[in-house]
Amino acid sequence: MTDTPFDAGLQPERTLLAWRRTSLSIGVGGLLFIRFAVERMGAAAILLGLLGLLLAVASYIDASRRYRRVHGYLTVGLSVASAAIPISLAAASVAVFAVACLAWLVVAA
């Protein structure tokens, strides 16, 4: 596998950076949720926040793995499969935060 970019626009590299930013944002959201909701929700806030953080870390790792695989495929001329796993992990972490926010709103009311 060569380290030279596949294309001049660096599309796979930009996609990797976008997934990393998304994963980091979701992870920070999980930590902030724990910080602000733990007083009202207790252990449930910690559990939901850590679950979201875990999914964000899994998405970050999978995006890095996928980039290496895609880069290798493209440099030798092979086609690339869809990005179902990182999309699923990101969607699951957003769903966890939606449930967490709804729970916090119910407890705060």
PDB file of N, CA and C in Angstrom:
ATOM      1  N   MET A   1       0.845  -1.184   0.000  1.00  0.00           N
ATOM      2  CA  MET A   1       0.000   0.000   0.000  1.00  0.00           C
ATOM      3  C   MET A   1       0.886   1.242   0.000  1.00  0.00           C
ATOM      4  N   THR A   2       0.547   2.162  -0.844  1.00  0.00           N
ATOM      5  CA  THR A   2       1.313   3.398  -0.940  1.00  0.00           C
ATOM      6  C   THR A   2       0.696   4.491  -0.081  1.00  0.00           C
ATOM      7  N   ASP A   3       1.509   5.420   0.364  1.00  0.00           N
ATOM      8  CA  ASP A   3       1.014   6.518   1.197  1.00  0.00           C
ATOM      9  C   ASP A   3       0.627   7.739   0.385  1.00  0.00           C
ATOM     10  N   THR A   4       0.797   7.687  -0.922  1.00  0.00           N
ATOM     11  CA  THR A   4       0.424   8.835  -1.739  1.00  0.00           C
ATOM     12  C   THR A   4      -1.091   8.930  -1.827  1.00  0.00           C
ATOM     13  N   PRO A   5      -1.627  10.141  -1.896  1.00  0.00           N
ATOM     14  CA  PRO A   5      -3.086  10.304  -1.970  1.00  0.00           C
ATOM     15  C   PRO A   5      -3.645   9.698  -3.247  1.00  0.00           C
ATOM     16  N   PHE A   6      -4.865   9.206  -3.158  1.00  0.00           N
ATOM     17  CA  PHE A   6      -5.528   8.598  -4.310  1.00  0.00           C
ATOM     18  C   PHE A   6      -5.908   9.655  -5.340  1.00  0.00           C
ATOM     19  N   ASP A   7      -6.422  10.783  -4.882  1.00  0.00           N
ATOM     20  CA  ASP A   7      -6.841  11.829  -5.813  1.00  0.00           C
ATOM     21  C   ASP A   7      -6.337  13.180  -5.328  1.00  0.00           C
ATOM     22  N   ALA A   8      -6.338  14.132  -6.244  1.00  0.00           N
ATOM     23  CA  ALA A   8      -5.824  15.467  -5.902  1.00  0.00           C
ATOM     24  C   ALA A   8      -6.710  16.176  -4.895  1.00  0.00           C
ATOM     25  N   GLY A   9      -8.000  15.863  -4.871  1.00  0.00           N
ATOM     26  CA  GLY A   9      -8.926  16.518  -3.948  1.00  0.00           C
ATOM     27  C   GLY A   9      -8.908  15.945  -2.546  1.00  0.00           C
ATOM     28  N   LEU A  10      -8.241  14.820  -2.350  1.00  0.00           N
ATOM     29  CA  LEU A  10      -8.108  14.162  -1.049  1.00  0.00           C
ATOM     30  C   LEU A  10      -9.463  13.833  -0.426  1.00  0.00           C
ATOM     31  N   GLN A  11     -10.413  13.381  -1.240  1.00  0.00           N
ATOM     32  CA  GLN A  11     -11.759  13.090  -0.760  1.00  0.00           C
ATOM     33  C   GLN A  11     -11.782  12.066   0.378  1.00  0.00           C
ATOM     34  N   PRO A  12     -11.070  10.928   0.308  1.00  0.00           N
ATOM     35  CA  PRO A  12     -11.101   9.997   1.441  1.00  0.00           C
ATOM     36  C   PRO A  12     -10.542  10.619   2.721  1.00  0.00           C
ATOM     37  N   GLU A  13      -9.527  11.459   2.591  1.00  0.00           N
ATOM     38  CA  GLU A  13      -8.948  12.105   3.763  1.00  0.00           C
ATOM     39  C   GLU A  13      -9.935  13.092   4.387  1.00  0.00           C
ATOM     40  N   ARG A  14     -10.650  13.841   3.541  1.00  0.00           N
ATOM     41  CA  ARG A  14     -11.648  14.789   4.051  1.00  0.00           C
ATOM     42  C   ARG A  14     -12.794  14.041   4.739  1.00  0.00           C
ATOM     43  N   THR A  15     -13.180  12.911   4.161  1.00  0.00           N
ATOM     44  CA  THR A  15     -14.249  12.116   4.765  1.00  0.00           C
ATOM     45  C   THR A  15     -13.817  11.593   6.122  1.00  0.00           C
ATOM     46  N   LEU A  16     -12.584  11.115   6.225  1.00  0.00           N
ATOM     47  CA  LEU A  16     -12.061  10.654   7.514  1.00  0.00           C
ATOM     48  C   LEU A  16     -12.100  11.773   8.547  1.00  0.00           C
ATOM     49  N   LEU A  17     -11.648  12.951   8.160  1.00  0.00           N
ATOM     50  CA  LEU A  17     -11.653  14.075   9.098  1.00  0.00           C
ATOM     51  C   LEU A  17     -13.064  14.449   9.521  1.00  0.00           C
ATOM     52  N   ALA A  18     -14.028  14.383   8.603  1.00  0.00           N
ATOM     53  CA  ALA A  18     -15.417  14.692   8.952  1.00  0.00           C
ATOM     54  C   ALA A  18     -15.971  13.673   9.947  1.00  0.00           C
ATOM     55  N   TRP A  19     -15.687  12.384   9.726  1.00  0.00           N
ATOM     56  CA  TRP A  19     -16.141  11.361  10.674  1.00  0.00           C
ATOM     57  C   TRP A  19     -15.477  11.545  12.033  1.00  0.00           C
ATOM     58  N   ARG A  20     -14.210  11.902  12.030  1.00  0.00           N
ATOM     59  CA  ARG A  20     -13.524  12.125  13.305  1.00  0.00           C
ATOM     60  C   ARG A  20     -14.119  13.304  14.057  1.00  0.00           C
ATOM     61  N   ARG A  21     -14.401  14.399  13.344  1.00  0.00           N
ATOM     62  CA  ARG A  21     -15.027  15.560  14.002  1.00  0.00           C
ATOM     63  C   ARG A  21     -16.396  15.201  14.560  1.00  0.00           C
ATOM     64  N   THR A  22     -17.172  14.448  13.793  1.00  0.00           N
ATOM     65  CA  THR A  22     -18.493  14.041  14.258  1.00  0.00           C
ATOM     66  C   THR A  22     -18.383  13.171  15.501  1.00  0.00           C
ATOM     67  N   SER A  23     -17.477  12.213  15.478  1.00  0.00           N
ATOM     68  CA  SER A  23     -17.290  11.321  16.625  1.00  0.00           C
ATOM     69  C   SER A  23     -16.829  12.089  17.854  1.00  0.00           C
ATOM     70  N   LEU A  24     -15.905  13.005  17.674  1.00  0.00           N
ATOM     71  CA  LEU A  24     -15.429  13.800  18.806  1.00  0.00           C
ATOM     72  C   LEU A  24     -16.538  14.686  19.365  1.00  0.00           C
ATOM     73  N   SER A  25     -17.361  15.249  18.498  1.00  0.00           N
ATOM     74  CA  SER A  25     -18.471  16.088  18.958  1.00  0.00           C
ATOM     75  C   SER A  25     -19.475  15.275  19.762  1.00  0.00           C
ATOM     76  N   ILE A  26     -19.784  14.083  19.284  1.00  0.00           N
ATOM     77  CA  ILE A  26     -20.718  13.222  20.012  1.00  0.00           C
ATOM     78  C   ILE A  26     -20.122  12.810  21.361  1.00  0.00           C
ATOM     79  N   GLY A  27     -18.835  12.505  21.389  1.00  0.00           N
ATOM     80  CA  GLY A  27     -18.175  12.151  22.642  1.00  0.00           C
ATOM     81  C   GLY A  27     -18.187  13.286  23.649  1.00  0.00           C
ATOM     82  N   VAL A  28     -17.918  14.483  23.189  1.00  0.00           N
ATOM     83  CA  VAL A  28     -17.962  15.653  24.076  1.00  0.00           C
ATOM     84  C   VAL A  28     -19.388  15.881  24.569  1.00  0.00           C
ATOM     85  N   GLY A  29     -20.373  15.660  23.689  1.00  0.00           N
ATOM     86  CA  GLY A  29     -21.774  15.773  24.108  1.00  0.00           C
ATOM     87  C   GLY A  29     -22.111  14.801  25.223  1.00  0.00           C
ATOM     88  N   GLY A  30     -21.585  13.577  25.135  1.00  0.00           N
ATOM     89  CA  GLY A  30     -21.801  12.594  26.201  1.00  0.00           C
ATOM     90  C   GLY A  30     -21.202  13.033  27.522  1.00  0.00           C
ATOM     91  N   LEU A  31     -20.002  13.572  27.463  1.00  0.00           N
ATOM     92  CA  LEU A  31     -19.363  14.044  28.690  1.00  0.00           C
ATOM     93  C   LEU A  31     -20.099  15.246  29.283  1.00  0.00           C
ATOM     94  N   LEU A  32     -20.555  16.152  28.429  1.00  0.00           N
ATOM     95  CA  LEU A  32     -21.315  17.301  28.914  1.00  0.00           C
ATOM     96  C   LEU A  32     -22.656  16.876  29.492  1.00  0.00           C
ATOM     97  N   PHE A  33     -23.277  15.875  28.871  1.00  0.00           N
ATOM     98  CA  PHE A  33     -24.525  15.371  29.422  1.00  0.00           C
ATOM     99  C   PHE A  33     -24.304  14.837  30.831  1.00  0.00           C
ATOM    100  N   ILE A  34     -23.245  14.076  31.029  1.00  0.00           N
ATOM    101  CA  ILE A  34     -22.946  13.565  32.372  1.00  0.00           C
ATOM    102  C   ILE A  34     -22.743  14.726  33.338  1.00  0.00           C
ATOM    103  N   ARG A  35     -21.978  15.709  32.914  1.00  0.00           N
ATOM    104  CA  ARG A  35     -21.651  16.849  33.774  1.00  0.00           C
ATOM    105  C   ARG A  35     -22.904  17.588  34.252  1.00  0.00           C
ATOM    106  N   PHE A  36     -23.852  17.810  33.342  1.00  0.00           N
ATOM    107  CA  PHE A  36     -25.003  18.633  33.698  1.00  0.00           C
ATOM    108  C   PHE A  36     -26.219  17.836  34.170  1.00  0.00           C
ATOM    109  N   ALA A  37     -26.312  16.567  33.860  1.00  0.00           N
ATOM    110  CA  ALA A  37     -27.498  15.798  34.223  1.00  0.00           C
ATOM    111  C   ALA A  37     -27.291  14.889  35.424  1.00  0.00           C
ATOM    112  N   VAL A  38     -26.075  14.724  35.894  1.00  0.00           N
ATOM    113  CA  VAL A  38     -25.819  13.763  36.970  1.00  0.00           C
ATOM    114  C   VAL A  38     -26.499  14.178  38.277  1.00  0.00           C
ATOM    115  N   GLU A  39     -26.660  15.453  38.530  1.00  0.00           N
ATOM    116  CA  GLU A  39     -27.295  15.891  39.773  1.00  0.00           C
ATOM    117  C   GLU A  39     -28.764  15.483  39.828  1.00  0.00           C
ATOM    118  N   ARG A  40     -29.451  15.549  38.691  1.00  0.00           N
ATOM    119  CA  ARG A  40     -30.877  15.226  38.674  1.00  0.00           C
ATOM    120  C   ARG A  40     -31.154  13.761  38.376  1.00  0.00           C
ATOM    121  N   MET A  41     -30.313  13.134  37.580  1.00  0.00           N
ATOM    122  CA  MET A  41     -30.595  11.770  37.124  1.00  0.00           C
ATOM    123  C   MET A  41     -29.717  10.707  37.775  1.00  0.00           C
ATOM    124  N   GLY A  42     -28.640  11.118  38.413  1.00  0.00           N
ATOM    125  CA  GLY A  42     -27.769  10.170  39.095  1.00  0.00           C
ATOM    126  C   GLY A  42     -27.072   9.195  38.168  1.00  0.00           C
ATOM    127  N   ALA A  43     -27.153   7.905  38.515  1.00  0.00           N
ATOM    128  CA  ALA A  43     -26.444   6.865  37.772  1.00  0.00           C
ATOM    129  C   ALA A  43     -26.958   6.713  36.343  1.00  0.00           C
ATOM    130  N   ALA A  44     -28.226   7.025  36.104  1.00  0.00           N
ATOM    131  CA  ALA A  44     -28.774   6.912  34.745  1.00  0.00           C
ATOM    132  C   ALA A  44     -28.072   7.890  33.807  1.00  0.00           C
ATOM    133  N   ALA A  45     -27.755   9.081  34.290  1.00  0.00           N
ATOM    134  CA  ALA A  45     -27.044  10.068  33.464  1.00  0.00           C
ATOM    135  C   ALA A  45     -25.648   9.565  33.128  1.00  0.00           C
ATOM    136  N   ILE A  46     -24.996   8.971  34.087  1.00  0.00           N
ATOM    137  CA  ILE A  46     -23.651   8.442  33.851  1.00  0.00           C
ATOM    138  C   ILE A  46     -23.715   7.299  32.841  1.00  0.00           C
ATOM    139  N   LEU A  47     -24.690   6.413  33.007  1.00  0.00           N
ATOM    140  CA  LEU A  47     -24.829   5.273  32.101  1.00  0.00           C
ATOM    141  C   LEU A  47     -25.112   5.735  30.669  1.00  0.00           C
ATOM    142  N   LEU A  48     -26.070   6.639  30.494  1.00  0.00           N
ATOM    143  CA  LEU A  48     -26.406   7.113  29.155  1.00  0.00           C
ATOM    144  C   LEU A  48     -25.249   7.892  28.525  1.00  0.00           C
ATOM    145  N   GLY A  49     -24.602   8.739  29.317  1.00  0.00           N
ATOM    146  CA  GLY A  49     -23.470   9.505  28.796  1.00  0.00           C
ATOM    147  C   GLY A  49     -22.307   8.612  28.386  1.00  0.00           C
ATOM    148  N   LEU A  50     -22.008   7.616  29.198  1.00  0.00           N
ATOM    149  CA  LEU A  50     -20.915   6.695  28.867  1.00  0.00           C
ATOM    150  C   LEU A  50     -21.259   5.814  27.673  1.00  0.00           C
ATOM    151  N   LEU A  51     -22.534   5.442  27.536  1.00  0.00           N
ATOM    152  CA  LEU A  51     -22.942   4.665  26.368  1.00  0.00           C
ATOM    153  C   LEU A  51     -22.758   5.484  25.094  1.00  0.00           C
ATOM    154  N   GLY A  52     -23.164   6.740  25.126  1.00  0.00           N
ATOM    155  CA  GLY A  52     -22.949   7.617  23.975  1.00  0.00           C
ATOM    156  C   GLY A  52     -21.471   7.818  23.691  1.00  0.00           C
ATOM    157  N   LEU A  53     -20.673   7.981  24.734  1.00  0.00           N
ATOM    158  CA  LEU A  53     -19.229   8.139  24.576  1.00  0.00           C
ATOM    159  C   LEU A  53     -18.608   6.873  23.985  1.00  0.00           C
ATOM    160  N   LEU A  54     -19.049   5.720  24.440  1.00  0.00           N
ATOM    161  CA  LEU A  54     -18.537   4.448  23.912  1.00  0.00           C
ATOM    162  C   LEU A  54     -18.867   4.301  22.428  1.00  0.00           C
ATOM    163  N   LEU A  55     -20.084   4.653  22.046  1.00  0.00           N
ATOM    164  CA  LEU A  55     -20.455   4.582  20.627  1.00  0.00           C
ATOM    165  C   LEU A  55     -19.649   5.581  19.798  1.00  0.00           C
ATOM    166  N   ALA A  56     -19.360   6.747  20.351  1.00  0.00           N
ATOM    167  CA  ALA A  56     -18.553   7.740  19.635  1.00  0.00           C
ATOM    168  C   ALA A  56     -17.124   7.230  19.428  1.00  0.00           C
ATOM    169  N   VAL A  57     -16.560   6.604  20.446  1.00  0.00           N
ATOM    170  CA  VAL A  57     -15.210   6.040  20.322  1.00  0.00           C
ATOM    171  C   VAL A  57     -15.205   4.916  19.282  1.00  0.00           C
ATOM    172  N   ALA A  58     -16.223   4.071  19.302  1.00  0.00           N
ATOM    173  CA  ALA A  58     -16.307   2.990  18.317  1.00  0.00           C
ATOM    174  C   ALA A  58     -16.423   3.556  16.904  1.00  0.00           C
ATOM    175  N   SER A  59     -17.195   4.614  16.745  1.00  0.00           N
ATOM    176  CA  SER A  59     -17.330   5.248  15.433  1.00  0.00           C
ATOM    177  C   SER A  59     -16.005   5.847  14.977  1.00  0.00           C
ATOM    178  N   TYR A  60     -15.268   6.474  15.886  1.00  0.00           N
ATOM    179  CA  TYR A  60     -13.961   7.067  15.576  1.00  0.00           C
ATOM    180  C   TYR A  60     -12.982   5.983  15.105  1.00  0.00           C
ATOM    181  N   ILE A  61     -12.932   4.890  15.844  1.00  0.00           N
ATOM    182  CA  ILE A  61     -12.015   3.800  15.503  1.00  0.00           C
ATOM    183  C   ILE A  61     -12.406   3.172  14.168  1.00  0.00           C
ATOM    184  N   ASP A  62     -13.704   2.957  13.962  1.00  0.00           N
ATOM    185  CA  ASP A  62     -14.140   2.342  12.711  1.00  0.00           C
ATOM    186  C   ASP A  62     -13.884   3.261  11.517  1.00  0.00           C
ATOM    187  N   ALA A  63     -14.033   4.566  11.703  1.00  0.00           N
ATOM    188  CA  ALA A  63     -13.747   5.497  10.609  1.00  0.00           C
ATOM    189  C   ALA A  63     -12.274   5.431  10.218  1.00  0.00           C
ATOM    190  N   SER A  64     -11.390   5.323  11.197  1.00  0.00           N
ATOM    191  CA  SER A  64      -9.957   5.212  10.901  1.00  0.00           C
ATOM    192  C   SER A  64      -9.639   3.915  10.173  1.00  0.00           C
ATOM    193  N   ARG A  65     -10.248   2.825  10.643  1.00  0.00           N
ATOM    194  CA  ARG A  65     -10.054   1.538   9.978  1.00  0.00           C
ATOM    195  C   ARG A  65     -10.581   1.567   8.555  1.00  0.00           C
ATOM    196  N   ARG A  66     -11.744   2.151   8.383  1.00  0.00           N
ATOM    197  CA  ARG A  66     -12.343   2.236   7.054  1.00  0.00           C
ATOM    198  C   ARG A  66     -11.485   3.073   6.118  1.00  0.00           C
ATOM    199  N   TYR A  67     -10.929   4.180   6.620  1.00  0.00           N
ATOM    200  CA  TYR A  67     -10.070   5.011   5.774  1.00  0.00           C
ATOM    201  C   TYR A  67      -8.886   4.201   5.249  1.00  0.00           C
ATOM    202  N   ARG A  68      -8.225   3.451   6.132  1.00  0.00           N
ATOM    203  CA  ARG A  68      -7.074   2.651   5.696  1.00  0.00           C
ATOM    204  C   ARG A  68      -7.485   1.631   4.634  1.00  0.00           C
ATOM    205  N   ARG A  69      -8.636   1.004   4.829  1.00  0.00           N
ATOM    206  CA  ARG A  69      -9.123   0.018   3.868  1.00  0.00           C
ATOM    207  C   ARG A  69      -9.483   0.683   2.531  1.00  0.00           C
ATOM    208  N   VAL A  70     -10.198   1.806   2.581  1.00  0.00           N
ATOM    209  CA  VAL A  70     -10.593   2.510   1.356  1.00  0.00           C
ATOM    210  C   VAL A  70      -9.366   3.023   0.616  1.00  0.00           C
ATOM    211  N   HIS A  71      -8.421   3.589   1.338  1.00  0.00           N
ATOM    212  CA  HIS A  71      -7.200   4.095   0.714  1.00  0.00           C
ATOM    213  C   HIS A  71      -6.467   2.972  -0.015  1.00  0.00           C
ATOM    214  N   GLY A  72      -6.385   1.820   0.636  1.00  0.00           N
ATOM    215  CA  GLY A  72      -5.732   0.676   0.005  1.00  0.00           C
ATOM    216  C   GLY A  72      -6.465   0.205  -1.237  1.00  0.00           C
ATOM    217  N   TYR A  73      -7.798   0.127  -1.144  1.00  0.00           N
ATOM    218  CA  TYR A  73      -8.583  -0.295  -2.309  1.00  0.00           C
ATOM    219  C   TYR A  73      -8.430   0.670  -3.474  1.00  0.00           C
ATOM    220  N   LEU A  74      -8.525   1.953  -3.198  1.00  0.00           N
ATOM    221  CA  LEU A  74      -8.495   2.941  -4.272  1.00  0.00           C
ATOM    222  C   LEU A  74      -7.121   3.034  -4.936  1.00  0.00           C
ATOM    223  N   THR A  75      -6.063   2.843  -4.176  1.00  0.00           N
ATOM    224  CA  THR A  75      -4.731   2.944  -4.775  1.00  0.00           C
ATOM    225  C   THR A  75      -4.410   1.769  -5.685  1.00  0.00           C
ATOM    226  N   VAL A  76      -5.105   0.634  -5.512  1.00  0.00           N
ATOM    227  CA  VAL A  76      -4.884  -0.497  -6.417  1.00  0.00           C
ATOM    228  C   VAL A  76      -6.009  -0.640  -7.438  1.00  0.00           C
ATOM    229  N   GLY A  77      -6.989   0.270  -7.427  1.00  0.00           N
ATOM    230  CA  GLY A  77      -8.034   0.275  -8.443  1.00  0.00           C
ATOM    231  C   GLY A  77      -9.260  -0.558  -8.136  1.00  0.00           C
ATOM    232  N   LEU A  78      -9.482  -0.943  -6.899  1.00  0.00           N
ATOM    233  CA  LEU A  78     -10.672  -1.721  -6.538  1.00  0.00           C
ATOM    234  C   LEU A  78     -11.823  -0.790  -6.162  1.00  0.00           C
ATOM    235  N   SER A  79     -13.049  -1.319  -6.169  1.00  0.00           N
ATOM    236  CA  SER A  79     -14.205  -0.520  -5.751  1.00  0.00           C
ATOM    237  C   SER A  79     -14.357  -0.593  -4.227  1.00  0.00           C
ATOM    238  N   VAL A  80     -15.186   0.307  -3.710  1.00  0.00           N
ATOM    239  CA  VAL A  80     -15.343   0.443  -2.264  1.00  0.00           C
ATOM    240  C   VAL A  80     -16.791   0.156  -1.879  1.00  0.00           C
ATOM    241  N   ALA A  81     -16.988  -0.577  -0.778  1.00  0.00           N
ATOM    242  CA  ALA A  81     -18.328  -0.883  -0.281  1.00  0.00           C
ATOM    243  C   ALA A  81     -18.900   0.315   0.481  1.00  0.00           C
ATOM    244  N   SER A  82     -20.151   0.220   0.874  1.00  0.00           N
ATOM    245  CA  SER A  82     -20.815   1.322   1.578  1.00  0.00           C
ATOM    246  C   SER A  82     -20.278   1.478   3.006  1.00  0.00           C
ATOM    247  N   ALA A  83     -20.639   2.602   3.615  1.00  0.00           N
ATOM    248  CA  ALA A  83     -20.161   2.931   4.961  1.00  0.00           C
ATOM    249  C   ALA A  83     -21.239   2.656   5.996  1.00  0.00           C
ATOM    250  N   ALA A  84     -21.797   1.457   6.008  1.00  0.00           N
ATOM    251  CA  ALA A  84     -22.928   1.153   6.882  1.00  0.00           C
ATOM    252  C   ALA A  84     -22.561   1.157   8.368  1.00  0.00           C
ATOM    253  N   ILE A  85     -21.403   0.654   8.727  1.00  0.00           N
ATOM    254  CA  ILE A  85     -21.058   0.538  10.146  1.00  0.00           C
ATOM    255  C   ILE A  85     -20.860   1.904  10.793  1.00  0.00           C
ATOM    256  N   PRO A  86     -20.038   2.819  10.265  1.00  0.00           N
ATOM    257  CA  PRO A  86     -19.900   4.105  10.951  1.00  0.00           C
ATOM    258  C   PRO A  86     -21.196   4.907  10.971  1.00  0.00           C
ATOM    259  N   ILE A  87     -21.991   4.798   9.918  1.00  0.00           N
ATOM    260  CA  ILE A  87     -23.277   5.500   9.908  1.00  0.00           C
ATOM    261  C   ILE A  87     -24.185   4.924  10.990  1.00  0.00           C
ATOM    262  N   SER A  88     -24.204   3.620  11.135  1.00  0.00           N
ATOM    263  CA  SER A  88     -25.021   2.982  12.169  1.00  0.00           C
ATOM    264  C   SER A  88     -24.562   3.366  13.570  1.00  0.00           C
ATOM    265  N   LEU A  89     -23.254   3.403  13.795  1.00  0.00           N
ATOM    266  CA  LEU A  89     -22.734   3.791  15.106  1.00  0.00           C
ATOM    267  C   LEU A  89     -23.073   5.245  15.427  1.00  0.00           C
ATOM    268  N   ALA A  90     -22.931   6.124  14.462  1.00  0.00           N
ATOM    269  CA  ALA A  90     -23.270   7.528  14.686  1.00  0.00           C
ATOM    270  C   ALA A  90     -24.765   7.683  14.957  1.00  0.00           C
ATOM    271  N   ALA A  91     -25.598   6.974  14.204  1.00  0.00           N
ATOM    272  CA  ALA A  91     -27.045   7.042  14.421  1.00  0.00           C
ATOM    273  C   ALA A  91     -27.423   6.493  15.792  1.00  0.00           C
ATOM    274  N   ALA A  92     -26.774   5.417  16.212  1.00  0.00           N
ATOM    275  CA  ALA A  92     -27.054   4.852  17.534  1.00  0.00           C
ATOM    276  C   ALA A  92     -26.660   5.817  18.640  1.00  0.00           C
ATOM    277  N   SER A  93     -25.527   6.491  18.487  1.00  0.00           N
ATOM    278  CA  SER A  93     -25.120   7.441  19.528  1.00  0.00           C
ATOM    279  C   SER A  93     -26.051   8.644  19.573  1.00  0.00           C
ATOM    280  N   VAL A  94     -26.536   9.101  18.430  1.00  0.00           N
ATOM    281  CA  VAL A  94     -27.508  10.195  18.414  1.00  0.00           C
ATOM    282  C   VAL A  94     -28.815   9.745  19.068  1.00  0.00           C
ATOM    283  N   ALA A  95     -29.230   8.506  18.821  1.00  0.00           N
ATOM    284  CA  ALA A  95     -30.442   7.982  19.453  1.00  0.00           C
ATOM    285  C   ALA A  95     -30.284   7.899  20.966  1.00  0.00           C
ATOM    286  N   VAL A  96     -29.104   7.487  21.420  1.00  0.00           N
ATOM    287  CA  VAL A  96     -28.854   7.434  22.859  1.00  0.00           C
ATOM    288  C   VAL A  96     -28.970   8.833  23.469  1.00  0.00           C
ATOM    289  N   PHE A  97     -28.416   9.834  22.788  1.00  0.00           N
ATOM    290  CA  PHE A  97     -28.510  11.193  23.315  1.00  0.00           C
ATOM    291  C   PHE A  97     -29.924  11.737  23.263  1.00  0.00           C
ATOM    292  N   ALA A  98     -30.700  11.330  22.281  1.00  0.00           N
ATOM    293  CA  ALA A  98     -32.099  11.756  22.227  1.00  0.00           C
ATOM    294  C   ALA A  98     -32.862  11.200  23.427  1.00  0.00           C
ATOM    295  N   VAL A  99     -32.654   9.932  23.728  1.00  0.00           N
ATOM    296  CA  VAL A  99     -33.292   9.314  24.895  1.00  0.00           C
ATOM    297  C   VAL A  99     -32.798   9.979  26.178  1.00  0.00           C
ATOM    298  N   ALA A 100     -31.489  10.246  26.246  1.00  0.00           N
ATOM    299  CA  ALA A 100     -30.927  10.884  27.434  1.00  0.00           C
ATOM    300  C   ALA A 100     -31.520  12.274  27.648  1.00  0.00           C
ATOM    301  N   CYS A 101     -31.621  13.042  26.588  1.00  0.00           N
ATOM    302  CA  CYS A 101     -32.183  14.401  26.706  1.00  0.00           C
ATOM    303  C   CYS A 101     -33.656  14.351  27.079  1.00  0.00           C
ATOM    304  N   LEU A 102     -34.402  13.428  26.508  1.00  0.00           N
ATOM    305  CA  LEU A 102     -35.800  13.279  26.866  1.00  0.00           C
ATOM    306  C   LEU A 102     -35.949  12.894  28.338  1.00  0.00           C
ATOM    307  N   ALA A 103     -35.124  11.954  28.803  1.00  0.00           N
ATOM    308  CA  ALA A 103     -35.155  11.566  30.206  1.00  0.00           C
ATOM    309  C   ALA A 103     -34.814  12.743  31.115  1.00  0.00           C
ATOM    310  N   TRP A 104     -33.830  13.532  30.717  1.00  0.00           N
ATOM    311  CA  TRP A 104     -33.448  14.690  31.533  1.00  0.00           C
ATOM    312  C   TRP A 104     -34.576  15.704  31.599  1.00  0.00           C
ATOM    313  N   LEU A 105     -35.258  15.920  30.470  1.00  0.00           N
ATOM    314  CA  LEU A 105     -36.382  16.864  30.458  1.00  0.00           C
ATOM    315  C   LEU A 105     -37.522  16.382  31.349  1.00  0.00           C
ATOM    316  N   VAL A 106     -37.777  15.094  31.342  1.00  0.00           N
ATOM    317  CA  VAL A 106     -38.843  14.543  32.194  1.00  0.00           C
ATOM    318  C   VAL A 106     -38.475  14.690  33.665  1.00  0.00           C
ATOM    319  N   VAL A 107     -37.238  14.406  34.009  1.00  0.00           N
ATOM    320  CA  VAL A 107     -36.785  14.515  35.391  1.00  0.00           C
ATOM    321  C   VAL A 107     -36.741  15.976  35.838  1.00  0.00           C
ATOM    322  N   ALA A 108     -36.349  16.873  34.937  1.00  0.00           N
ATOM    323  CA  ALA A 108     -36.229  18.288  35.311  1.00  0.00           C
ATOM    324  C   ALA A 108     -37.586  18.959  35.467  1.00  0.00           C
ATOM    325  N   ALA A 109     -38.633  18.394  34.854  1.00  0.00           N
ATOM    326  CA  ALA A 109     -39.956  19.044  34.911  1.00  0.00           C
ATOM    327  C   ALA A 109     -40.636  18.856  36.239  1.00  0.00           C
TER     328      ALA A 109
END
